[in-house]
Amino acid sequence: MEEKKKEQATGTLSGACDDTSSVLEGAEPWEPIETKLILGSFAVALVALIIGLLIVPTSVLH
């Protein structure tokens, strides 16, 4: 417990020790199928949103 307090007490908010150059180091390449999956997910979500917007107001009014 004492060690954790020491580590937390020595932290700073300066950002001088942040190394952002290696954030994407070793990342796998983006595949075309992943793009298709993302666009397909957005299409399904849009269709579900439109159907929901059509069904909910009519079910509330009747």
Protein backbone atom coordinates (compact mmCIF):
# COMPACT_ATOMS: atom_id res chain seq x y z
CA MET A 1 0.00 0.00 0.00
CA GLU A 2 2.86 2.35 0.79
CA GLU A 3 4.44 1.68 -2.60
CA LYS A 4 1.24 2.66 -4.42
CA LYS A 5 1.05 5.92 -2.50
CA LYS A 6 4.65 6.70 -3.43
CA GLU A 7 3.98 6.01 -7.12
CA GLN A 8 0.87 8.16 -7.14
CA ALA A 9 2.54 10.99 -5.26
CA THR A 10 5.38 11.29 -7.77
CA GLY A 11 3.14 11.69 -10.84
CA THR A 12 2.97 14.93 -12.75
CA LEU A 13 0.58 16.44 -15.24
CA SER A 14 3.24 17.97 -17.47
CA GLY A 15 3.04 15.27 -20.13
CA ALA A 16 6.80 15.41 -20.65
CA CYS A 17 7.14 11.63 -20.36
CA ASP A 18 4.34 10.78 -22.82
CA ASP A 19 5.72 8.90 -25.82
CA THR A 20 3.13 8.99 -28.60
CA SER A 21 5.44 7.88 -31.41
CA SER A 22 4.93 4.17 -30.73
CA VAL A 23 1.16 4.11 -30.37
CA LEU A 24 0.57 2.29 -33.66
CA GLU A 25 3.78 0.30 -33.58
CA GLY A 26 3.04 -3.35 -34.24
CA ALA A 27 -0.57 -2.72 -35.28
CA GLU A 28 -1.95 -5.08 -37.89
CA PRO A 29 -3.00 -3.60 -41.25
CA TRP A 30 -6.64 -2.74 -41.95
CA GLU A 31 -8.26 -5.36 -44.17
CA PRO A 32 -10.88 -4.50 -46.83
CA ILE A 33 -13.33 -6.97 -45.27
CA GLU A 34 -13.23 -4.94 -42.07
CA THR A 35 -14.33 -1.85 -44.01
CA LYS A 36 -17.23 -3.83 -45.47
CA LEU A 37 -18.21 -5.07 -41.99
CA ILE A 38 -18.20 -1.53 -40.57
CA LEU A 39 -20.23 -0.11 -43.47
CA GLY A 40 -22.65 -3.04 -43.25
CA SER A 41 -23.10 -2.43 -39.53
CA PHE A 42 -23.88 1.23 -40.17
CA ALA A 43 -26.38 0.25 -42.89
CA VAL A 44 -28.16 -2.20 -40.58
CA ALA A 45 -28.25 0.40 -37.79
CA LEU A 46 -29.71 3.00 -40.17
CA VAL A 47 -32.42 0.61 -41.36
CA ALA A 48 -33.26 -0.31 -37.75
CA LEU A 49 -33.44 3.38 -36.85
CA ILE A 50 -35.79 4.15 -39.75
CA ILE A 51 -38.04 1.18 -38.95
CA GLY A 52 -38.07 2.19 -35.29
CA LEU A 53 -39.00 5.76 -36.16
CA LEU A 54 -41.88 4.50 -38.28
CA ILE A 55 -43.23 1.92 -35.83
CA VAL A 56 -42.93 3.74 -32.50
CA PRO A 57 -44.96 6.88 -33.32
CA THR A 58 -47.76 4.84 -34.91
CA SER A 59 -47.92 2.45 -31.96
CA VAL A 60 -48.12 5.38 -29.51
CA LEU A 61 -50.92 7.12 -31.42
CA HIS A 62 -53.15 4.03 -31.79
